[in-house]
Amino acid sequence: MTRKNSFDFIRLLAAVAVIFSHSFALAGHPEPRIGGGTIGGLAVWIFFILSGYLISKSWDQYPRFNVFFAKRILRIAPGLIIATVGVILITGIFFTSLPLLEFFTNQQTLTYLNNIFLVNQSGTLPGVFVDNIYPLATNGPIWTLAYEFTMYITVALIGILHIYKKIPPLAIWVALMVVVLLSITVGKDIPSITIFYLDIKLLSVLALMFFSGVMMHKYENRIKLNTWVGFGSLVMFILLAALAPELMAIPAAVLLAYAIFAIGRHEHFSSVSKFGDFSYGLYIYAFPIQQMIASITHTTSTWKMFALSLFLTIIVSVASWYFVESKALKWKDKINTKKYPLIQTDEAW
């Protein structure tokens, strides 16, 4: 992989795809689907695949536990705090049916603050969006951040415990593939278990996508990437998803992952990165903005919802990047890595 690539552009497209998909649901229409999943759900898989590659590479470059987590928190927390507290303030003043004092002292409002810490996450606020077509939901998409951060912890633990010395990345990926295959065939009627607010069946699928990205990093010197094969893999994935929608996670972990890196490794759209990384902002701010639009306009037009919400979310995301997120990331340069022990990585596999 060259240092200049189009990964930021792909993440930007995925974030827009989530907004597009939710525009249908919030305007009262079924979300468009590819195989057994929505376009928004597929975009989340793309996020996890790319994240697996980038996060595992980040760990291998700087295998220091404190430094690794400081960087991850500096990327996630500032925008999430603004999105959480900002939504509480705006909806509490303009969109709740409750009296102002009652809203801000309500236990549900206080629980919503847990979204900042990625535990016991709440997607609703008291008296907010109760009359919307898609009622009550305030910021649904942020549930994925807890699963994302769980993958960060997993990468660090694997590094600290030298797991790859005994179990190669390929074996972990194959094991996840088997778990997901069994869960959607033999175990499809078995209720999922929830541990630390994480649905285990859902976690296994997202972990498979994440480790597909890890695989692309760990074996990138052995995997031959071809652009045309990448486009062919993407077409093949869509066909298989249509033919066997309930099993689409399996070809996604192979064909979709290969397509992302075969196509995204080129620098054709690398110039997008010069302006900033707006994909995270688009992801965490869009849904509440869409619900506010729905509450004000009562629109049932998907395209009106998409156009308005994309326009407003871009403005908010750009402001968030320049005034909050990018400034927080500058603190990474203040971390004195010499103060923290370097964890010896083992690449025996």
Protein backbone atom coordinates (compact mmCIF):
# COMPACT_ATOMS: atom_id res chain seq x y z
CA MET A 1 0.00 0.00 0.00
CA THR A 2 1.33 3.44 -0.86
CA ARG A 3 1.14 6.21 1.71
CA LYS A 4 -1.16 8.10 -0.66
CA ASN A 5 -4.40 6.19 -1.13
CA SER A 6 -8.13 6.73 -1.49
CA PHE A 7 -9.19 5.21 1.86
CA ASP A 8 -10.43 8.56 3.23
CA PHE A 9 -12.54 8.95 0.10
CA ILE A 10 -14.03 5.47 0.54
CA ARG A 11 -14.87 6.23 4.17
CA LEU A 12 -16.48 9.49 3.05
CA LEU A 13 -18.61 7.58 0.53
CA ALA A 14 -19.56 5.06 3.23
CA ALA A 15 -20.66 7.87 5.57
CA VAL A 16 -22.78 9.41 2.80
CA ALA A 17 -24.25 5.96 2.12
CA VAL A 18 -25.36 5.75 5.76
CA ILE A 19 -27.08 9.14 5.46
CA PHE A 20 -28.71 8.08 2.19
CA SER A 21 -29.95 4.80 3.67
CA HIS A 22 -31.37 6.46 6.79
CA SER A 23 -33.09 9.10 4.63
CA PHE A 24 -35.49 6.39 3.52
CA ALA A 25 -36.32 5.15 7.02
CA LEU A 26 -36.72 8.63 8.51
CA ALA A 27 -39.02 9.66 5.66
CA GLY A 28 -41.18 6.58 6.20
CA HIS A 29 -39.87 4.22 3.51
CA PRO A 30 -37.99 0.89 3.58
CA GLU A 31 -34.25 1.32 3.40
CA PRO A 32 -32.64 0.17 0.12
CA ARG A 33 -30.99 -3.20 0.47
CA ILE A 34 -28.15 -5.17 -1.03
CA GLY A 35 -28.76 -8.84 -0.40
CA GLY A 36 -29.74 -9.37 3.21
CA GLY A 37 -28.61 -6.00 4.52
CA THR A 38 -29.33 -2.32 4.11
CA ILE A 39 -26.97 0.02 2.30
CA GLY A 40 -26.26 1.66 5.65
CA GLY A 41 -25.40 -1.67 7.24
CA LEU A 42 -23.06 -2.49 4.36
CA ALA A 43 -21.37 0.89 4.82
CA VAL A 44 -20.73 0.00 8.47
CA TRP A 45 -18.98 -3.19 7.30
CA ILE A 46 -16.77 -1.06 5.04
CA PHE A 47 -15.87 1.13 8.02
CA PHE A 48 -14.85 -1.91 10.05
CA ILE A 49 -12.81 -3.45 7.23
CA LEU A 50 -10.83 -0.24 6.73
CA SER A 51 -10.52 0.26 10.47
CA GLY A 52 -9.02 -3.21 10.90
CA TYR A 53 -6.28 -2.36 8.42
CA LEU A 54 -5.52 1.12 9.74
CA ILE A 55 -5.73 0.31 13.46
CA SER A 56 -3.56 -2.83 13.28
CA LYS A 57 -1.01 -0.87 11.24
CA SER A 58 -1.09 1.91 13.84
CA TRP A 59 -0.43 -0.59 16.63
CA ASP A 60 2.49 -2.20 14.80
CA GLN A 61 4.04 1.20 14.11
CA TYR A 62 3.75 2.35 17.74
CA PRO A 63 3.16 -0.69 20.00
CA ARG A 64 2.83 1.29 23.19
CA PHE A 65 -0.41 0.70 25.09
CA ASN A 66 -0.76 4.20 26.56
CA VAL A 67 0.14 5.95 23.32
CA PHE A 68 -2.13 3.71 21.26
CA PHE A 69 -5.19 4.40 23.40
CA ALA A 70 -4.44 8.08 23.80
CA LYS A 71 -4.50 8.41 20.01
CA ARG A 72 -7.71 6.42 19.67
CA ILE A 73 -9.46 8.48 22.36
CA LEU A 74 -8.26 11.75 20.86
CA ARG A 75 -9.84 10.73 17.55
CA ILE A 76 -13.17 9.46 18.88
CA ALA A 77 -13.98 11.38 22.06
CA PRO A 78 -14.00 15.09 21.08
CA GLY A 79 -16.53 14.72 18.26
CA LEU A 80 -18.61 12.27 20.27
CA ILE A 81 -18.77 14.65 23.24
CA ILE A 82 -19.93 17.49 20.97
CA ALA A 83 -22.49 15.23 19.27
CA THR A 84 -23.84 13.96 22.61
CA VAL A 85 -23.94 17.18 24.62
CA GLY A 86 -24.97 19.26 21.59
CA VAL A 87 -27.92 17.00 20.84
CA ILE A 88 -29.06 17.15 24.48
CA LEU A 89 -28.93 20.96 24.52
CA ILE A 90 -30.61 21.49 21.13
CA THR A 91 -33.36 18.91 21.57
CA GLY A 92 -33.94 19.96 25.18
CA ILE A 93 -34.52 23.57 24.12
CA PHE A 94 -36.34 23.09 20.81
CA PHE A 95 -37.65 19.55 20.32
CA THR A 96 -38.82 18.01 23.59
CA SER A 97 -42.42 17.92 24.75
CA LEU A 98 -41.28 18.12 28.37
CA PRO A 99 -40.72 21.30 30.41
CA LEU A 100 -37.11 22.45 30.21
CA LEU A 101 -36.14 21.64 33.82
CA GLU A 102 -37.88 18.29 33.73
CA PHE A 103 -36.05 17.35 30.53
CA PHE A 104 -32.57 18.19 31.84
CA THR A 105 -33.13 16.41 35.17
CA ASN A 106 -34.77 13.35 33.64
CA GLN A 107 -32.90 10.08 34.22
CA GLN A 108 -33.14 9.27 30.53
CA THR A 109 -31.26 12.48 29.71
CA LEU A 110 -28.54 11.62 32.19
CA THR A 111 -28.32 8.09 30.80
CA TYR A 112 -27.86 9.52 27.31
CA LEU A 113 -24.53 10.95 28.51
CA ASN A 114 -23.28 7.35 28.72
CA ASN A 115 -22.86 7.54 24.95
CA ILE A 116 -19.66 9.49 25.59
CA PHE A 117 -18.20 6.53 27.48
CA LEU A 118 -19.51 3.89 25.03
CA VAL A 119 -21.26 1.93 27.81
CA ASN A 120 -24.98 1.37 28.34
CA GLN A 121 -25.57 3.49 25.27
CA SER A 122 -28.92 5.19 24.80
CA GLY A 123 -30.45 6.27 21.52
CA THR A 124 -33.42 8.20 22.91
CA LEU A 125 -34.13 11.34 24.91
CA PRO A 126 -37.33 12.04 26.89
CA GLY A 127 -40.13 13.62 24.88
CA VAL A 128 -37.91 14.07 21.81
CA PHE A 129 -39.08 13.23 18.27
CA VAL A 130 -42.14 11.42 19.63
CA ASP A 131 -44.28 12.46 16.64
CA ASN A 132 -41.70 11.72 13.95
CA ILE A 133 -42.27 9.04 11.34
CA TYR A 134 -39.38 7.16 12.96
CA PRO A 135 -40.23 8.06 16.56
CA LEU A 136 -38.00 8.54 19.61
CA ALA A 137 -34.64 7.56 18.05
CA THR A 138 -32.15 10.39 18.56
CA ASN A 139 -28.78 9.17 17.32
CA GLY A 140 -29.03 5.52 16.37
CA PRO A 141 -25.75 5.01 14.43
CA ILE A 142 -23.42 5.66 17.37
CA TRP A 143 -24.12 2.16 18.74
CA THR A 144 -21.34 0.92 16.43
CA LEU A 145 -18.68 2.93 18.28
CA ALA A 146 -18.74 0.57 21.27
CA TYR A 147 -18.07 -2.36 18.93
CA GLU A 148 -15.35 -0.37 17.17
CA PHE A 149 -13.59 0.44 20.43
CA THR A 150 -13.85 -3.20 21.48
CA MET A 151 -11.83 -4.05 18.38
CA TYR A 152 -9.21 -1.48 19.39
CA ILE A 153 -8.91 -3.18 22.78
CA THR A 154 -8.61 -6.55 21.03
CA VAL A 155 -5.75 -5.36 18.82
CA ALA A 156 -3.87 -4.01 21.84
CA LEU A 157 -4.42 -7.17 23.89
CA ILE A 158 -3.24 -9.37 21.03
CA GLY A 159 -0.08 -7.26 20.84
CA ILE A 160 0.56 -7.21 24.59
CA LEU A 161 -0.02 -10.95 25.02
CA HIS A 162 1.94 -11.86 21.87
CA ILE A 163 -1.01 -13.87 20.58
CA TYR A 164 0.33 -13.91 17.03
CA LYS A 165 3.35 -15.85 18.28
CA LYS A 166 1.08 -18.86 18.79
CA ILE A 167 -1.96 -18.08 16.65
CA PRO A 168 -1.39 -16.40 13.27
CA PRO A 169 -3.83 -13.71 12.06
CA LEU A 170 -5.10 -16.09 9.37
CA ALA A 171 -6.18 -18.61 12.02
CA ILE A 172 -8.11 -15.94 13.95
CA TRP A 173 -9.81 -14.78 10.76
CA VAL A 174 -10.78 -18.36 9.79
CA ALA A 175 -12.10 -19.00 13.31
CA LEU A 176 -14.28 -15.88 13.09
CA MET A 177 -15.48 -17.01 9.66
CA VAL A 178 -16.57 -20.36 11.13
CA VAL A 179 -18.28 -18.69 14.11
CA VAL A 180 -20.24 -16.33 11.85
CA LEU A 181 -21.18 -19.16 9.47
CA LEU A 182 -22.45 -21.31 12.34
CA SER A 183 -24.35 -18.40 13.92
CA ILE A 184 -26.28 -17.66 10.71
CA THR A 185 -27.00 -21.30 9.89
CA VAL A 186 -27.10 -23.66 12.87
CA GLY A 187 -27.58 -20.93 15.47
CA LYS A 188 -29.89 -18.57 13.60
CA ASP A 189 -32.83 -19.38 15.93
CA ILE A 190 -30.74 -19.26 19.10
CA PRO A 191 -31.09 -15.95 20.99
CA SER A 192 -27.87 -13.97 21.12
CA ILE A 193 -26.08 -13.32 24.39
CA THR A 194 -25.28 -9.78 25.51
CA ILE A 195 -22.01 -9.17 27.36
CA PHE A 196 -21.04 -5.66 28.50
CA TYR A 197 -23.85 -4.23 26.34
CA LEU A 198 -22.48 -5.98 23.24
CA ASP A 199 -24.58 -8.42 21.23
CA ILE A 200 -22.27 -11.39 20.67
CA LYS A 201 -23.71 -12.44 17.30
CA LEU A 202 -23.42 -8.90 15.99
CA LEU A 203 -19.95 -8.58 17.51
CA SER A 204 -18.79 -11.73 15.70
CA VAL A 205 -19.86 -10.34 12.31
CA LEU A 206 -18.24 -6.94 12.89
CA ALA A 207 -15.11 -8.65 14.25
CA LEU A 208 -14.93 -10.72 11.06
CA MET A 209 -15.05 -7.54 8.97
CA PHE A 210 -12.46 -5.87 11.19
CA PHE A 211 -10.09 -8.83 10.97
CA SER A 212 -10.50 -8.92 7.21
CA GLY A 213 -8.81 -5.53 7.35
CA VAL A 214 -6.22 -6.84 9.80
CA MET A 215 -5.46 -9.63 7.32
CA MET A 216 -4.86 -7.10 4.55
CA HIS A 217 -2.27 -5.37 6.74
CA LYS A 218 -0.55 -8.46 8.11
CA TYR A 219 -0.29 -10.17 4.74
CA GLU A 220 -0.10 -7.17 2.44
CA ASN A 221 3.30 -8.26 1.11
CA ARG A 222 1.83 -11.63 0.10
CA ILE A 223 -1.56 -10.58 -1.28
CA LYS A 224 -1.44 -9.41 -4.88
CA LEU A 225 -3.88 -6.58 -5.47
CA ASN A 226 -5.24 -5.94 -8.94
CA THR A 227 -7.68 -3.11 -9.67
CA TRP A 228 -9.71 -5.00 -12.26
CA VAL A 229 -9.88 -8.07 -10.06
CA GLY A 230 -11.07 -5.71 -7.33
CA PHE A 231 -13.97 -4.48 -9.46
CA GLY A 232 -14.74 -8.08 -10.39
CA SER A 233 -14.73 -9.03 -6.70
CA LEU A 234 -17.17 -6.22 -5.95
CA VAL A 235 -19.57 -7.40 -8.67
CA MET A 236 -19.23 -11.00 -7.50
CA PHE A 237 -19.99 -9.97 -3.92
CA ILE A 238 -23.18 -8.17 -4.99
CA LEU A 239 -24.29 -11.21 -7.00
CA LEU A 240 -23.63 -13.62 -4.14
CA ALA A 241 -25.36 -11.28 -1.68
CA ALA A 242 -28.44 -11.34 -3.92
CA LEU A 243 -28.33 -15.13 -4.34
CA ALA A 244 -27.70 -15.95 -0.66
CA PRO A 245 -28.64 -12.84 1.34
CA GLU A 246 -28.54 -14.58 4.72
CA LEU A 247 -24.91 -15.60 4.10
CA MET A 248 -23.63 -12.31 2.65
CA ALA A 249 -21.24 -11.68 5.55
CA ILE A 250 -19.08 -14.56 4.33
CA PRO A 251 -18.35 -13.25 0.80
CA ALA A 252 -18.12 -9.73 2.24
CA ALA A 253 -15.18 -10.79 4.40
CA VAL A 254 -13.34 -11.97 1.29
CA LEU A 255 -14.63 -10.28 -1.86
CA LEU A 256 -15.72 -6.91 -0.46
CA ALA A 257 -12.53 -6.62 1.60
CA TYR A 258 -10.34 -7.40 -1.40
CA ALA A 259 -12.26 -4.93 -3.57
CA ILE A 260 -11.86 -2.12 -1.02
CA PHE A 261 -8.08 -2.44 -0.92
CA ALA A 262 -7.53 -3.29 -4.58
CA ILE A 263 -9.46 -0.18 -5.62
CA GLY A 264 -8.67 2.08 -2.66
CA ARG A 265 -4.90 1.61 -2.72
CA HIS A 266 -4.63 4.01 -5.66
CA GLU A 267 -4.16 7.73 -5.08
CA HIS A 268 -6.80 8.88 -7.58
CA PHE A 269 -8.91 10.41 -4.79
CA SER A 270 -6.13 10.96 -2.24
CA SER A 271 -6.53 14.74 -2.61
CA VAL A 272 -9.69 14.47 -0.50
CA SER A 273 -7.46 13.95 2.55
CA LYS A 274 -5.92 17.40 2.13
CA PHE A 275 -9.16 19.08 3.17
CA GLY A 276 -9.68 17.00 6.32
CA ASP A 277 -11.28 13.79 7.53
CA PHE A 278 -15.00 14.55 7.59
CA SER A 279 -16.34 10.97 7.49
CA TYR A 280 -16.52 10.57 11.27
CA GLY A 281 -18.42 13.83 11.63
CA LEU A 282 -20.85 12.84 8.89
CA TYR A 283 -21.47 9.60 10.73
CA ILE A 284 -22.07 10.93 14.25
CA TYR A 285 -23.99 14.13 13.43
CA ALA A 286 -26.23 13.08 10.54
CA PHE A 287 -28.96 11.10 12.29
CA PRO A 288 -30.03 13.75 14.86
CA ILE A 289 -29.93 16.38 12.09
CA GLN A 290 -32.20 14.17 9.97
CA GLN A 291 -34.61 13.72 12.88
CA MET A 292 -34.72 17.48 13.42
CA ILE A 293 -35.51 17.97 9.73
CA ALA A 294 -38.25 15.35 10.02
CA SER A 295 -39.68 17.07 13.09
CA ILE A 296 -39.72 20.49 11.43
CA THR A 297 -40.75 19.63 7.86
CA HIS A 298 -42.67 16.35 8.32
CA THR A 299 -41.35 15.41 4.91
CA THR A 300 -42.00 12.01 3.39
CA SER A 301 -39.67 12.70 0.48
CA THR A 302 -36.51 10.62 0.64
CA TRP A 303 -34.64 12.94 -1.70
CA LYS A 304 -35.62 16.08 0.20
CA MET A 305 -34.49 14.44 3.42
CA PHE A 306 -31.21 13.30 1.86
CA ALA A 307 -30.40 16.64 0.22
CA LEU A 308 -31.19 18.76 3.28
CA SER A 309 -29.52 16.47 5.79
CA LEU A 310 -26.39 15.96 3.70
CA PHE A 311 -26.00 19.72 3.17
CA LEU A 312 -26.45 20.57 6.86
CA THR A 313 -24.36 17.65 8.10
CA ILE A 314 -21.46 18.59 5.83
CA ILE A 315 -21.49 22.10 7.34
CA VAL A 316 -21.51 20.74 10.90
CA SER A 317 -18.88 18.08 10.11
CA VAL A 318 -16.49 20.56 8.51
CA ALA A 319 -16.86 22.91 11.49
CA SER A 320 -16.35 19.99 13.88
CA TRP A 321 -13.20 18.91 12.06
CA TYR A 322 -11.55 22.32 11.95
CA PHE A 323 -12.60 23.61 15.36
CA VAL A 324 -12.74 20.43 17.46
CA GLU A 325 -11.37 17.18 16.00
CA SER A 326 -8.22 18.41 14.23
CA LYS A 327 -7.29 20.55 17.22
CA ALA A 328 -7.68 17.56 19.54
CA LEU A 329 -5.50 15.44 17.26
CA LYS A 330 -2.66 17.94 17.64
CA TRP A 331 -2.34 16.71 21.21
CA LYS A 332 -0.91 13.48 19.79
CA ASP A 333 2.30 15.36 19.05
CA LYS A 334 2.57 16.29 22.72
CA ILE A 335 2.73 12.64 23.82
CA ASN A 336 6.27 11.82 24.85
CA THR A 337 6.55 8.24 23.62
CA LYS A 338 9.86 7.77 25.43
CA LYS A 339 8.00 7.77 28.74
CA TYR A 340 6.13 4.60 27.79
CA PRO A 341 7.69 1.15 27.32
CA LEU A 342 7.87 -0.23 23.79
CA ILE A 343 6.04 -3.55 23.61
CA GLN A 344 8.06 -6.09 21.66
CA THR A 345 6.01 -7.33 18.71
CA ASP A 346 6.43 -10.85 17.46
CA GLU A 347 5.97 -11.44 13.75
CA ALA A 348 6.82 -15.17 13.89
CA TRP A 349 3.76 -16.04 11.81
